[in-house]
Amino acid sequence: MNALLVGAISGMTAVALSAFGAHALEGVLSERAMDTFQTAADYQFYHSLALVFVALLGTNYPDSTKLKWSAGLFAVGIVLFSGSLYLLSLSGIRWLGMITPLGGVSFIIGWLILAFFAARDYSRA
């Protein structure tokens, strides 16, 4: 996976979806659904930046399995967490909320693996 490309496209999409939510969905969705939609955009953007950061670290550590796993888990988290929240807010299908925690766990494990990388593998050259 090209983490920089995925992060850049995901960041662009997060900004576009956030603007879409703020302008096109205001008054269409309930306040709760709007909050859910915005949470999805916020977490997508945070983890898009994390993907870009991990990709930049990867230029100095191209063989790091930890960085690859971290990036992959951030990408999976974006799809599961943010994707399920977008769909939930737009469709009202409540069972989609059961998918969201899987994305949250992916984010948490991605950050944990990045912390292991920082503690064990990262050195300033």
PDB file of N, CA and C in Angstrom:
ATOM      1  N   MET A   1       0.844  -1.181   0.000  1.00  0.00           N
ATOM      2  CA  MET A   1       0.000   0.000   0.000  1.00  0.00           C
ATOM      3  C   MET A   1       0.888   1.242   0.000  1.00  0.00           C
ATOM      4  N   ASN A   2       0.516   2.207  -0.764  1.00  0.00           N
ATOM      5  CA  ASN A   2       1.200   3.485  -0.769  1.00  0.00           C
ATOM      6  C   ASN A   2       0.502   4.384   0.259  1.00  0.00           C
ATOM      7  N   ALA A   3       1.042   4.418   1.471  1.00  0.00           N
ATOM      8  CA  ALA A   3       0.396   5.132   2.575  1.00  0.00           C
ATOM      9  C   ALA A   3       0.276   6.628   2.303  1.00  0.00           C
ATOM     10  N   LEU A   4       1.254   7.208   1.622  1.00  0.00           N
ATOM     11  CA  LEU A   4       1.180   8.638   1.320  1.00  0.00           C
ATOM     12  C   LEU A   4       0.017   8.927   0.373  1.00  0.00           C
ATOM     13  N   LEU A   5      -0.124   8.121  -0.658  1.00  0.00           N
ATOM     14  CA  LEU A   5      -1.223   8.301  -1.608  1.00  0.00           C
ATOM     15  C   LEU A   5      -2.571   8.089  -0.928  1.00  0.00           C
ATOM     16  N   VAL A   6      -2.689   7.020  -0.161  1.00  0.00           N
ATOM     17  CA  VAL A   6      -3.950   6.742   0.535  1.00  0.00           C
ATOM     18  C   VAL A   6      -4.262   7.865   1.519  1.00  0.00           C
ATOM     19  N   GLY A   7      -3.253   8.327   2.260  1.00  0.00           N
ATOM     20  CA  GLY A   7      -3.460   9.416   3.209  1.00  0.00           C
ATOM     21  C   GLY A   7      -3.886  10.712   2.533  1.00  0.00           C
ATOM     22  N   ALA A   8      -3.252  11.014   1.403  1.00  0.00           N
ATOM     23  CA  ALA A   8      -3.583  12.252   0.687  1.00  0.00           C
ATOM     24  C   ALA A   8      -5.006  12.199   0.129  1.00  0.00           C
ATOM     25  N   ILE A   9      -5.369  11.084  -0.477  1.00  0.00           N
ATOM     26  CA  ILE A   9      -6.720  10.949  -1.034  1.00  0.00           C
ATOM     27  C   ILE A   9      -7.758  10.932   0.085  1.00  0.00           C
ATOM     28  N   SER A  10      -7.453  10.253   1.170  1.00  0.00           N
ATOM     29  CA  SER A  10      -8.367  10.211   2.296  1.00  0.00           C
ATOM     30  C   SER A  10      -8.529  11.593   2.929  1.00  0.00           C
ATOM     31  N   GLY A  11      -7.435  12.344   3.046  1.00  0.00           N
ATOM     32  CA  GLY A  11      -7.519  13.703   3.586  1.00  0.00           C
ATOM     33  C   GLY A  11      -8.371  14.603   2.710  1.00  0.00           C
ATOM     34  N   MET A  12      -8.167  14.505   1.392  1.00  0.00           N
ATOM     35  CA  MET A  12      -8.964  15.292   0.453  1.00  0.00           C
ATOM     36  C   MET A  12     -10.441  14.931   0.586  1.00  0.00           C
ATOM     37  N   THR A  13     -10.713  13.637   0.672  1.00  0.00           N
ATOM     38  CA  THR A  13     -12.089  13.169   0.785  1.00  0.00           C
ATOM     39  C   THR A  13     -12.714  13.628   2.103  1.00  0.00           C
ATOM     40  N   ALA A  14     -11.940  13.612   3.177  1.00  0.00           N
ATOM     41  CA  ALA A  14     -12.457  14.064   4.471  1.00  0.00           C
ATOM     42  C   ALA A  14     -12.860  15.536   4.420  1.00  0.00           C
ATOM     43  N   VAL A  15     -12.039  16.351   3.789  1.00  0.00           N
ATOM     44  CA  VAL A  15     -12.373  17.774   3.669  1.00  0.00           C
ATOM     45  C   VAL A  15     -13.632  17.948   2.817  1.00  0.00           C
ATOM     46  N   ALA A  16     -13.701  17.236   1.701  1.00  0.00           N
ATOM     47  CA  ALA A  16     -14.861  17.343   0.816  1.00  0.00           C
ATOM     48  C   ALA A  16     -16.137  16.868   1.515  1.00  0.00           C
ATOM     49  N   LEU A  17     -16.050  15.746   2.224  1.00  0.00           N
ATOM     50  CA  LEU A  17     -17.233  15.240   2.925  1.00  0.00           C
ATOM     51  C   LEU A  17     -17.654  16.152   4.067  1.00  0.00           C
ATOM     52  N   SER A  18     -16.680  16.735   4.749  1.00  0.00           N
ATOM     53  CA  SER A  18     -17.002  17.673   5.822  1.00  0.00           C
ATOM     54  C   SER A  18     -17.737  18.892   5.268  1.00  0.00           C
ATOM     55  N   ALA A  19     -17.245  19.425   4.150  1.00  0.00           N
ATOM     56  CA  ALA A  19     -17.911  20.568   3.514  1.00  0.00           C
ATOM     57  C   ALA A  19     -19.302  20.177   3.010  1.00  0.00           C
ATOM     58  N   PHE A  20     -19.396  18.990   2.407  1.00  0.00           N
ATOM     59  CA  PHE A  20     -20.691  18.494   1.943  1.00  0.00           C
ATOM     60  C   PHE A  20     -21.669  18.395   3.109  1.00  0.00           C
ATOM     61  N   GLY A  21     -21.201  17.842   4.213  1.00  0.00           N
ATOM     62  CA  GLY A  21     -22.055  17.714   5.384  1.00  0.00           C
ATOM     63  C   GLY A  21     -22.520  19.061   5.905  1.00  0.00           C
ATOM     64  N   ALA A  22     -21.594  20.003   5.974  1.00  0.00           N
ATOM     65  CA  ALA A  22     -21.917  21.318   6.533  1.00  0.00           C
ATOM     66  C   ALA A  22     -22.875  22.110   5.643  1.00  0.00           C
ATOM     67  N   HIS A  23     -22.765  21.937   4.339  1.00  0.00           N
ATOM     68  CA  HIS A  23     -23.556  22.770   3.420  1.00  0.00           C
ATOM     69  C   HIS A  23     -24.766  22.057   2.835  1.00  0.00           C
ATOM     70  N   ALA A  24     -24.608  20.805   2.431  1.00  0.00           N
ATOM     71  CA  ALA A  24     -25.708  20.119   1.757  1.00  0.00           C
ATOM     72  C   ALA A  24     -26.616  19.348   2.701  1.00  0.00           C
ATOM     73  N   LEU A  25     -26.087  18.931   3.844  1.00  0.00           N
ATOM     74  CA  LEU A  25     -26.887  18.083   4.729  1.00  0.00           C
ATOM     75  C   LEU A  25     -27.509  18.837   5.897  1.00  0.00           C
ATOM     76  N   GLU A  26     -27.067  20.066   6.112  1.00  0.00           N
ATOM     77  CA  GLU A  26     -27.638  20.854   7.215  1.00  0.00           C
ATOM     78  C   GLU A  26     -29.122  21.086   6.952  1.00  0.00           C
ATOM     79  N   GLY A  27     -29.921  20.755   7.919  1.00  0.00           N
ATOM     80  CA  GLY A  27     -31.363  20.874   7.768  1.00  0.00           C
ATOM     81  C   GLY A  27     -32.009  19.636   7.168  1.00  0.00           C
ATOM     82  N   VAL A  28     -31.205  18.777   6.572  1.00  0.00           N
ATOM     83  CA  VAL A  28     -31.711  17.528   6.001  1.00  0.00           C
ATOM     84  C   VAL A  28     -31.606  16.410   7.035  1.00  0.00           C
ATOM     85  N   LEU A  29     -30.459  16.354   7.698  1.00  0.00           N
ATOM     86  CA  LEU A  29     -30.240  15.345   8.733  1.00  0.00           C
ATOM     87  C   LEU A  29     -30.564  15.919  10.101  1.00  0.00           C
ATOM     88  N   SER A  30     -30.901  15.051  11.023  1.00  0.00           N
ATOM     89  CA  SER A  30     -31.117  15.487  12.400  1.00  0.00           C
ATOM     90  C   SER A  30     -29.793  15.982  12.980  1.00  0.00           C
ATOM     91  N   GLU A  31     -29.887  16.682  14.096  1.00  0.00           N
ATOM     92  CA  GLU A  31     -28.671  17.172  14.744  1.00  0.00           C
ATOM     93  C   GLU A  31     -27.758  16.016  15.148  1.00  0.00           C
ATOM     94  N   ARG A  32     -28.348  14.940  15.638  1.00  0.00           N
ATOM     95  CA  ARG A  32     -27.563  13.765  16.038  1.00  0.00           C
ATOM     96  C   ARG A  32     -26.870  13.150  14.824  1.00  0.00           C
ATOM     97  N   ALA A  33     -27.579  13.008  13.719  1.00  0.00           N
ATOM     98  CA  ALA A  33     -26.985  12.448  12.502  1.00  0.00           C
ATOM     99  C   ALA A  33     -25.879  13.355  11.978  1.00  0.00           C
ATOM    100  N   MET A  34     -26.081  14.667  12.089  1.00  0.00           N
ATOM    101  CA  MET A  34     -25.032  15.615  11.657  1.00  0.00           C
ATOM    102  C   MET A  34     -23.788  15.463  12.530  1.00  0.00           C
ATOM    103  N   ASP A  35     -23.977  15.313  13.828  1.00  0.00           N
ATOM    104  CA  ASP A  35     -22.844  15.110  14.737  1.00  0.00           C
ATOM    105  C   ASP A  35     -22.098  13.822  14.389  1.00  0.00           C
ATOM    106  N   THR A  36     -22.837  12.781  14.088  1.00  0.00           N
ATOM    107  CA  THR A  36     -22.231  11.501  13.704  1.00  0.00           C
ATOM    108  C   THR A  36     -21.437  11.652  12.414  1.00  0.00           C
ATOM    109  N   PHE A  37     -22.010  12.344  11.445  1.00  0.00           N
ATOM    110  CA  PHE A  37     -21.337  12.576  10.162  1.00  0.00           C
ATOM    111  C   PHE A  37     -20.044  13.359  10.378  1.00  0.00           C
ATOM    112  N   GLN A  38     -20.108  14.386  11.224  1.00  0.00           N
ATOM    113  CA  GLN A  38     -18.918  15.203  11.489  1.00  0.00           C
ATOM    114  C   GLN A  38     -17.853  14.416  12.246  1.00  0.00           C
ATOM    115  N   THR A  39     -18.264  13.556  13.160  1.00  0.00           N
ATOM    116  CA  THR A  39     -17.306  12.695  13.854  1.00  0.00           C
ATOM    117  C   THR A  39     -16.575  11.811  12.853  1.00  0.00           C
ATOM    118  N   ALA A  40     -17.313  11.269  11.895  1.00  0.00           N
ATOM    119  CA  ALA A  40     -16.697  10.438  10.855  1.00  0.00           C
ATOM    120  C   ALA A  40     -15.653  11.239  10.078  1.00  0.00           C
ATOM    121  N   ALA A  41     -15.993  12.458   9.692  1.00  0.00           N
ATOM    122  CA  ALA A  41     -15.058  13.296   8.940  1.00  0.00           C
ATOM    123  C   ALA A  41     -13.840  13.665   9.786  1.00  0.00           C
ATOM    124  N   ASP A  42     -14.060  13.991  11.047  1.00  0.00           N
ATOM    125  CA  ASP A  42     -12.950  14.355  11.933  1.00  0.00           C
ATOM    126  C   ASP A  42     -11.958  13.202  12.068  1.00  0.00           C
ATOM    127  N   TYR A  43     -12.461  12.020  12.371  1.00  0.00           N
ATOM    128  CA  TYR A  43     -11.567  10.867  12.549  1.00  0.00           C
ATOM    129  C   TYR A  43     -10.903  10.459  11.238  1.00  0.00           C
ATOM    130  N   GLN A  44     -11.619  10.612  10.131  1.00  0.00           N
ATOM    131  CA  GLN A  44     -10.994  10.331   8.843  1.00  0.00           C
ATOM    132  C   GLN A  44      -9.830  11.291   8.613  1.00  0.00           C
ATOM    133  N   PHE A  45     -10.025  12.554   8.939  1.00  0.00           N
ATOM    134  CA  PHE A  45      -8.966  13.527   8.714  1.00  0.00           C
ATOM    135  C   PHE A  45      -7.775  13.282   9.638  1.00  0.00           C
ATOM    136  N   TYR A  46      -8.033  13.041  10.914  1.00  0.00           N
ATOM    137  CA  TYR A  46      -6.928  12.772  11.847  1.00  0.00           C
ATOM    138  C   TYR A  46      -6.078  11.601  11.361  1.00  0.00           C
ATOM    139  N   HIS A  47      -6.745  10.550  10.930  1.00  0.00           N
ATOM    140  CA  HIS A  47      -6.007   9.350  10.554  1.00  0.00           C
ATOM    141  C   HIS A  47      -5.450   9.424   9.139  1.00  0.00           C
ATOM    142  N   SER A  48      -5.970  10.322   8.328  1.00  0.00           N
ATOM    143  CA  SER A  48      -5.329  10.623   7.043  1.00  0.00           C
ATOM    144  C   SER A  48      -3.976  11.280   7.305  1.00  0.00           C
ATOM    145  N   LEU A  49      -3.948  12.208   8.247  1.00  0.00           N
ATOM    146  CA  LEU A  49      -2.682  12.831   8.635  1.00  0.00           C
ATOM    147  C   LEU A  49      -1.724  11.807   9.230  1.00  0.00           C
ATOM    148  N   ALA A  50      -2.259  10.882  10.016  1.00  0.00           N
ATOM    149  CA  ALA A  50      -1.415   9.822  10.582  1.00  0.00           C
ATOM    150  C   ALA A  50      -0.812   8.969   9.468  1.00  0.00           C
ATOM    151  N   LEU A  51      -1.594   8.663   8.440  1.00  0.00           N
ATOM    152  CA  LEU A  51      -1.074   7.902   7.301  1.00  0.00           C
ATOM    153  C   LEU A  51       0.062   8.649   6.603  1.00  0.00           C
ATOM    154  N   VAL A  52      -0.118   9.945   6.404  1.00  0.00           N
ATOM    155  CA  VAL A  52       0.925  10.752   5.777  1.00  0.00           C
ATOM    156  C   VAL A  52       2.180  10.744   6.643  1.00  0.00           C
ATOM    157  N   PHE A  53       2.010  10.897   7.932  1.00  0.00           N
ATOM    158  CA  PHE A  53       3.132  10.883   8.869  1.00  0.00           C
ATOM    159  C   PHE A  53       3.882   9.551   8.813  1.00  0.00           C
ATOM    160  N   VAL A  54       3.146   8.450   8.846  1.00  0.00           N
ATOM    161  CA  VAL A  54       3.762   7.127   8.791  1.00  0.00           C
ATOM    162  C   VAL A  54       4.468   6.930   7.451  1.00  0.00           C
ATOM    163  N   ALA A  55       3.867   7.417   6.381  1.00  0.00           N
ATOM    164  CA  ALA A  55       4.508   7.311   5.062  1.00  0.00           C
ATOM    165  C   ALA A  55       5.832   8.067   5.040  1.00  0.00           C
ATOM    166  N   LEU A  56       5.856   9.237   5.640  1.00  0.00           N
ATOM    167  CA  LEU A  56       7.105  10.009   5.685  1.00  0.00           C
ATOM    168  C   LEU A  56       8.152   9.314   6.548  1.00  0.00           C
ATOM    169  N   LEU A  57       7.743   8.735   7.658  1.00  0.00           N
ATOM    170  CA  LEU A  57       8.674   7.943   8.470  1.00  0.00           C
ATOM    171  C   LEU A  57       9.222   6.770   7.658  1.00  0.00           C
ATOM    172  N   GLY A  58       8.366   6.195   6.845  1.00  0.00           N
ATOM    173  CA  GLY A  58       8.753   5.051   6.045  1.00  0.00           C
ATOM    174  C   GLY A  58       9.834   5.342   5.024  1.00  0.00           C
ATOM    175  N   THR A  59      10.042   6.607   4.674  1.00  0.00           N
ATOM    176  CA  THR A  59      11.124   6.917   3.736  1.00  0.00           C
ATOM    177  C   THR A  59      12.482   6.647   4.366  1.00  0.00           C
ATOM    178  N   ASN A  60      12.582   6.778   5.680  1.00  0.00           N
ATOM    179  CA  ASN A  60      13.825   6.482   6.390  1.00  0.00           C
ATOM    180  C   ASN A  60      13.876   5.047   6.914  1.00  0.00           C
ATOM    181  N   TYR A  61      12.724   4.388   6.966  1.00  0.00           N
ATOM    182  CA  TYR A  61      12.628   3.016   7.480  1.00  0.00           C
ATOM    183  C   TYR A  61      11.785   2.179   6.515  1.00  0.00           C
ATOM    184  N   PRO A  62      12.249   2.027   5.277  1.00  0.00           N
ATOM    185  CA  PRO A  62      11.416   1.373   4.256  1.00  0.00           C
ATOM    186  C   PRO A  62      11.103  -0.094   4.534  1.00  0.00           C
ATOM    187  N   ASP A  63      11.871  -0.749   5.363  1.00  0.00           N
ATOM    188  CA  ASP A  63      11.634  -2.166   5.653  1.00  0.00           C
ATOM    189  C   ASP A  63      10.891  -2.401   6.970  1.00  0.00           C
ATOM    190  N   SER A  64      10.415  -1.335   7.587  1.00  0.00           N
ATOM    191  CA  SER A  64       9.759  -1.466   8.889  1.00  0.00           C
ATOM    192  C   SER A  64       8.383  -2.120   8.756  1.00  0.00           C
ATOM    193  N   THR A  65       8.276  -3.307   9.295  1.00  0.00           N
ATOM    194  CA  THR A  65       7.000  -4.016   9.326  1.00  0.00           C
ATOM    195  C   THR A  65       6.020  -3.282  10.233  1.00  0.00           C
ATOM    196  N   LYS A  66       6.522  -2.704  11.312  1.00  0.00           N
ATOM    197  CA  LYS A  66       5.645  -1.986  12.240  1.00  0.00           C
ATOM    198  C   LYS A  66       4.984  -0.794  11.549  1.00  0.00           C
ATOM    199  N   LEU A  67       5.747  -0.040  10.765  1.00  0.00           N
ATOM    200  CA  LEU A  67       5.155   1.097  10.063  1.00  0.00           C
ATOM    201  C   LEU A  67       4.126   0.643   9.028  1.00  0.00           C
ATOM    202  N   LYS A  68       4.419  -0.458   8.355  1.00  0.00           N
ATOM    203  CA  LYS A  68       3.468  -0.980   7.370  1.00  0.00           C
ATOM    204  C   LYS A  68       2.174  -1.426   8.043  1.00  0.00           C
ATOM    205  N   TRP A  69       2.292  -2.119   9.171  1.00  0.00           N
ATOM    206  CA  TRP A  69       1.109  -2.538   9.904  1.00  0.00           C
ATOM    207  C   TRP A  69       0.329  -1.337  10.438  1.00  0.00           C
ATOM    208  N   SER A  70       1.033  -0.362  10.970  1.00  0.00           N
ATOM    209  CA  SER A  70       0.389   0.827  11.503  1.00  0.00           C
ATOM    210  C   SER A  70      -0.411   1.536  10.404  1.00  0.00           C
ATOM    211  N   ALA A  71       0.217   1.727   9.252  1.00  0.00           N
ATOM    212  CA  ALA A  71      -0.467   2.382   8.132  1.00  0.00           C
ATOM    213  C   ALA A  71      -1.683   1.580   7.690  1.00  0.00           C
ATOM    214  N   GLY A  72      -1.519   0.276   7.589  1.00  0.00           N
ATOM    215  CA  GLY A  72      -2.633  -0.564   7.171  1.00  0.00           C
ATOM    216  C   GLY A  72      -3.801  -0.505   8.138  1.00  0.00           C
ATOM    217  N   LEU A  73      -3.489  -0.517   9.418  1.00  0.00           N
ATOM    218  CA  LEU A  73      -4.547  -0.445  10.425  1.00  0.00           C
ATOM    219  C   LEU A  73      -5.234   0.918  10.428  1.00  0.00           C
ATOM    220  N   PHE A  74      -4.487   1.983  10.185  1.00  0.00           N
ATOM    221  CA  PHE A  74      -5.117   3.303  10.063  1.00  0.00           C
ATOM    222  C   PHE A  74      -6.072   3.329   8.868  1.00  0.00           C
ATOM    223  N   ALA A  75      -5.652   2.753   7.749  1.00  0.00           N
ATOM    224  CA  ALA A  75      -6.500   2.729   6.554  1.00  0.00           C
ATOM    225  C   ALA A  75      -7.763   1.894   6.798  1.00  0.00           C
ATOM    226  N   VAL A  76      -7.596   0.725   7.405  1.00  0.00           N
ATOM    227  CA  VAL A  76      -8.755  -0.118   7.727  1.00  0.00           C
ATOM    228  C   VAL A  76      -9.671   0.614   8.701  1.00  0.00           C
ATOM    229  N   GLY A  77      -9.081   1.290   9.684  1.00  0.00           N
ATOM    230  CA  GLY A  77      -9.876   2.042  10.649  1.00  0.00           C
ATOM    231  C   GLY A  77     -10.698   3.137   9.990  1.00  0.00           C
ATOM    232  N   ILE A  78     -10.107   3.818   9.019  1.00  0.00           N
ATOM    233  CA  ILE A  78     -10.846   4.871   8.304  1.00  0.00           C
ATOM    234  C   ILE A  78     -12.070   4.274   7.616  1.00  0.00           C
ATOM    235  N   VAL A  79     -11.877   3.165   6.932  1.00  0.00           N
ATOM    236  CA  VAL A  79     -12.986   2.534   6.214  1.00  0.00           C
ATOM    237  C   VAL A  79     -14.062   2.058   7.189  1.00  0.00           C
ATOM    238  N   LEU A  80     -13.646   1.339   8.233  1.00  0.00           N
ATOM    239  CA  LEU A  80     -14.623   0.761   9.157  1.00  0.00           C
ATOM    240  C   LEU A  80     -15.260   1.801  10.072  1.00  0.00           C
ATOM    241  N   PHE A  81     -14.432   2.647  10.685  1.00  0.00           N
ATOM    242  CA  PHE A  81     -14.957   3.624  11.645  1.00  0.00           C
ATOM    243  C   PHE A  81     -15.709   4.734  10.925  1.00  0.00           C
ATOM    244  N   SER A  82     -14.982   5.472  10.098  1.00  0.00           N
ATOM    245  CA  SER A  82     -15.612   6.609   9.428  1.00  0.00           C
ATOM    246  C   SER A  82     -16.665   6.144   8.430  1.00  0.00           C
ATOM    247  N   GLY A  83     -16.353   5.100   7.682  1.00  0.00           N
ATOM    248  CA  GLY A  83     -17.312   4.615   6.689  1.00  0.00           C
ATOM    249  C   GLY A  83     -18.627   4.195   7.313  1.00  0.00           C
ATOM    250  N   SER A  84     -18.560   3.455   8.416  1.00  0.00           N
ATOM    251  CA  SER A  84     -19.807   3.021   9.061  1.00  0.00           C
ATOM    252  C   SER A  84     -20.582   4.210   9.630  1.00  0.00           C
ATOM    253  N   LEU A  85     -19.871   5.200  10.145  1.00  0.00           N
ATOM    254  CA  LEU A  85     -20.569   6.382  10.673  1.00  0.00           C
ATOM    255  C   LEU A  85     -21.199   7.220   9.567  1.00  0.00           C
ATOM    256  N   TYR A  86     -20.503   7.367   8.432  1.00  0.00           N
ATOM    257  CA  TYR A  86     -21.113   8.069   7.293  1.00  0.00           C
ATOM    258  C   TYR A  86     -22.402   7.367   6.871  1.00  0.00           C
ATOM    259  N   LEU A  87     -22.308   6.043   6.697  1.00  0.00           N
ATOM    260  CA  LEU A  87     -23.481   5.290   6.256  1.00  0.00           C
ATOM    261  C   LEU A  87     -24.598   5.328   7.288  1.00  0.00           C
ATOM    262  N   LEU A  88     -24.243   5.215   8.555  1.00  0.00           N
ATOM    263  CA  LEU A  88     -25.241   5.274   9.624  1.00  0.00           C
ATOM    264  C   LEU A  88     -25.965   6.615   9.613  1.00  0.00           C
ATOM    265  N   SER A  89     -25.211   7.702   9.520  1.00  0.00           N
ATOM    266  CA  SER A  89     -25.837   9.029   9.573  1.00  0.00           C
ATOM    267  C   SER A  89     -26.719   9.293   8.353  1.00  0.00           C
ATOM    268  N   LEU A  90     -26.329   8.761   7.198  1.00  0.00           N
ATOM    269  CA  LEU A  90     -27.104   9.008   5.976  1.00  0.00           C
ATOM    270  C   LEU A  90     -28.287   8.060   5.812  1.00  0.00           C
ATOM    271  N   SER A  91     -28.137   6.830   6.307  1.00  0.00           N
ATOM    272  CA  SER A  91     -29.184   5.828   6.074  1.00  0.00           C
ATOM    273  C   SER A  91     -30.078   5.594   7.285  1.00  0.00           C
ATOM    274  N   GLY A  92     -29.546   5.823   8.476  1.00  0.00           N
ATOM    275  CA  GLY A  92     -30.291   5.526   9.692  1.00  0.00           C
ATOM    276  C   GLY A  92     -30.310   4.044  10.038  1.00  0.00           C
ATOM    277  N   ILE A  93     -29.555   3.230   9.300  1.00  0.00           N
ATOM    278  CA  ILE A  93     -29.515   1.794   9.571  1.00  0.00           C
ATOM    279  C   ILE A  93     -28.664   1.574  10.818  1.00  0.00           C
ATOM    280  N   ARG A  94     -29.322   1.241  11.905  1.00  0.00           N
ATOM    281  CA  ARG A  94     -28.674   1.208  13.219  1.00  0.00           C
ATOM    282  C   ARG A  94     -27.604   0.130  13.351  1.00  0.00           C
ATOM    283  N   TRP A  95     -27.760  -1.022  12.702  1.00  0.00           N
ATOM    284  CA  TRP A  95     -26.788  -2.099  12.878  1.00  0.00           C
ATOM    285  C   TRP A  95     -25.408  -1.717  12.355  1.00  0.00           C
ATOM    286  N   LEU A  96     -25.329  -0.680  11.524  1.00  0.00           N
ATOM    287  CA  LEU A  96     -24.019  -0.225  11.049  1.00  0.00           C
ATOM    288  C   LEU A  96     -23.148   0.248  12.214  1.00  0.00           C
ATOM    289  N   GLY A  97     -23.800   0.676  13.289  1.00  0.00           N
ATOM    290  CA  GLY A  97     -23.069   1.101  14.477  1.00  0.00           C
ATOM    291  C   GLY A  97     -22.261  -0.020  15.116  1.00  0.00           C
ATOM    292  N   MET A  98     -22.584  -1.274  14.800  1.00  0.00           N
ATOM    293  CA  MET A  98     -21.821  -2.402  15.347  1.00  0.00           C
ATOM    294  C   MET A  98     -20.464  -2.540  14.656  1.00  0.00           C
ATOM    295  N   ILE A  99     -20.311  -1.958  13.484  1.00  0.00           N
ATOM    296  CA  ILE A  99     -19.055  -2.025  12.745  1.00  0.00           C
ATOM    297  C   ILE A  99     -18.065  -0.978  13.269  1.00  0.00           C
ATOM    298  N   THR A 100     -18.585   0.135  13.730  1.00  0.00           N
ATOM    299  CA  THR A 100     -17.762   1.267  14.146  1.00  0.00           C
ATOM    300  C   THR A 100     -16.675   0.897  15.157  1.00  0.00           C
ATOM    301  N   PRO A 101     -16.989   0.128  16.210  1.00  0.00           N
ATOM    302  CA  PRO A 101     -15.930  -0.215  17.174  1.00  0.00           C
ATOM    303  C   PRO A 101     -14.769  -1.000  16.561  1.00  0.00           C
ATOM    304  N   LEU A 102     -15.026  -1.780  15.520  1.00  0.00           N
ATOM    305  CA  LEU A 102     -13.937  -2.501  14.853  1.00  0.00           C
ATOM    306  C   LEU A 102     -12.945  -1.507  14.245  1.00  0.00           C
ATOM    307  N   GLY A 103     -13.469  -0.428  13.699  1.00  0.00           N
ATOM    308  CA  GLY A 103     -12.601   0.628  13.183  1.00  0.00           C
ATOM    309  C   GLY A 103     -11.839   1.324  14.298  1.00  0.00           C
ATOM    310  N   GLY A 104     -12.517   1.550  15.412  1.00  0.00           N
ATOM    311  CA  GLY A 104     -11.847   2.160  16.561  1.00  0.00           C
ATOM    312  C   GLY A 104     -10.723   1.294  17.086  1.00  0.00           C
ATOM    313  N   VAL A 105     -10.948   0.004  17.141  1.00  0.00           N
ATOM    314  CA  VAL A 105      -9.900  -0.923  17.583  1.00  0.00           C
ATOM    315  C   VAL A 105      -8.737  -0.896  16.589  1.00  0.00           C
ATOM    316  N   SER A 106      -9.039  -0.818  15.306  1.00  0.00           N
ATOM    317  CA  SER A 106      -7.971  -0.713  14.297  1.00  0.00           C
ATOM    318  C   SER A 106      -7.127   0.538  14.525  1.00  0.00           C
ATOM    319  N   PHE A 107      -7.788   1.658  14.819  1.00  0.00           N
ATOM    320  CA  PHE A 107      -7.041   2.887  15.118  1.00  0.00           C
ATOM    321  C   PHE A 107      -6.141   2.690  16.336  1.00  0.00           C
ATOM    322  N   ILE A 108      -6.711   2.141  17.396  1.00  0.00           N
ATOM    323  CA  ILE A 108      -5.963   1.968  18.642  1.00  0.00           C
ATOM    324  C   ILE A 108      -4.743   1.073  18.424  1.00  0.00           C
ATOM    325  N   ILE A 109      -4.940  -0.041  17.745  1.00  0.00           N
ATOM    326  CA  ILE A 109      -3.818  -0.952  17.504  1.00  0.00           C
ATOM    327  C   ILE A 109      -2.790  -0.306  16.576  1.00  0.00           C
ATOM    328  N   GLY A 110      -3.255   0.466  15.597  1.00  0.00           N
ATOM    329  CA  GLY A 110      -2.325   1.195  14.721  1.00  0.00           C
ATOM    330  C   GLY A 110      -1.437   2.147  15.508  1.00  0.00           C
ATOM    331  N   TRP A 111      -2.038   2.881  16.444  1.00  0.00           N
ATOM    332  CA  TRP A 111      -1.255   3.793  17.290  1.00  0.00           C
ATOM    333  C   TRP A 111      -0.318   3.023  18.218  1.00  0.00           C
ATOM    334  N   LEU A 112      -0.788   1.899  18.752  1.00  0.00           N
ATOM    335  CA  LEU A 112       0.049   1.087  19.634  1.00  0.00           C
ATOM    336  C   LEU A 112       1.276   0.560  18.885  1.00  0.00           C
ATOM    337  N   ILE A 113       1.069   0.066  17.688  1.00  0.00           N
ATOM    338  CA  ILE A 113       2.196  -0.427  16.893  1.00  0.00           C
ATOM    339  C   ILE A 113       3.150   0.708  16.555  1.00  0.00           C
ATOM    340  N   LEU A 114       2.622   1.897  16.274  1.00  0.00           N
ATOM    341  CA  LEU A 114       3.483   3.055  16.024  1.00  0.00           C
ATOM    342  C   LEU A 114       4.292   3.395  17.275  1.00  0.00           C
ATOM    343  N   ALA A 115       3.683   3.262  18.440  1.00  0.00           N
ATOM    344  CA  ALA A 115       4.407   3.499  19.691  1.00  0.00           C
ATOM    345  C   ALA A 115       5.519   2.470  19.882  1.00  0.00           C
ATOM    346  N   PHE A 116       5.244   1.207  19.564  1.00  0.00           N
ATOM    347  CA  PHE A 116       6.295   0.175  19.629  1.00  0.00           C
ATOM    348  C   PHE A 116       7.439   0.515  18.680  1.00  0.00           C
ATOM    349  N   PHE A 117       7.089   0.990  17.497  1.00  0.00           N
ATOM    350  CA  PHE A 117       8.118   1.406  16.542  1.00  0.00           C
ATOM    351  C   PHE A 117       8.970   2.516  17.160  1.00  0.00           C
ATOM    352  N   ALA A 118       8.315   3.510  17.753  1.00  0.00           N
ATOM    353  CA  ALA A 118       9.042   4.643  18.333  1.00  0.00           C
ATOM    354  C   ALA A 118       9.950   4.195  19.475  1.00  0.00           C
ATOM    355  N   ALA A 119       9.482   3.260  20.277  1.00  0.00           N
ATOM    356  CA  ALA A 119      10.250   2.815  21.437  1.00  0.00           C
ATOM    357  C   ALA A 119      11.408   1.901  21.055  1.00  0.00           C
ATOM    358  N   ARG A 120      11.238   1.092  20.020  1.00  0.00           N
ATOM    359  CA  ARG A 120      12.229   0.053  19.723  1.00  0.00           C
ATOM    360  C   ARG A 120      13.060   0.282  18.472  1.00  0.00           C
ATOM    361  N   ASP A 121      12.479   0.933  17.488  1.00  0.00           N
ATOM    362  CA  ASP A 121      13.140   0.983  16.173  1.00  0.00           C
ATOM    363  C   ASP A 121      13.580   2.373  15.732  1.00  0.00           C
ATOM    364  N   TYR A 122      12.929   3.398  16.275  1.00  0.00           N
ATOM    365  CA  TYR A 122      13.200   4.757  15.816  1.00  0.00           C
ATOM    366  C   TYR A 122      14.500   5.296  16.424  1.00  0.00           C
ATOM    367  N   SER A 123      15.332   5.828  15.577  1.00  0.00           N
ATOM    368  CA  SER A 123      16.529   6.519  16.055  1.00  0.00           C
ATOM    369  C   SER A 123      16.757   7.728  15.172  1.00  0.00           C
ATOM    370  N   ARG A 124      17.194   8.754  15.759  1.00  0.00           N
ATOM    371  CA  ARG A 124      17.476   9.962  14.986  1.00  0.00           C
ATOM    372  C   ARG A 124      18.857   9.831  14.386  1.00  0.00           C
ATOM    373  N   ALA A 125      18.904   9.945  13.095  1.00  0.00           N
ATOM    374  CA  ALA A 125      20.183   9.778  12.383  1.00  0.00           C
ATOM    375  C   ALA A 125      20.992  11.052  12.407  1.00  0.00           C
TER     376      ALA A 125
END
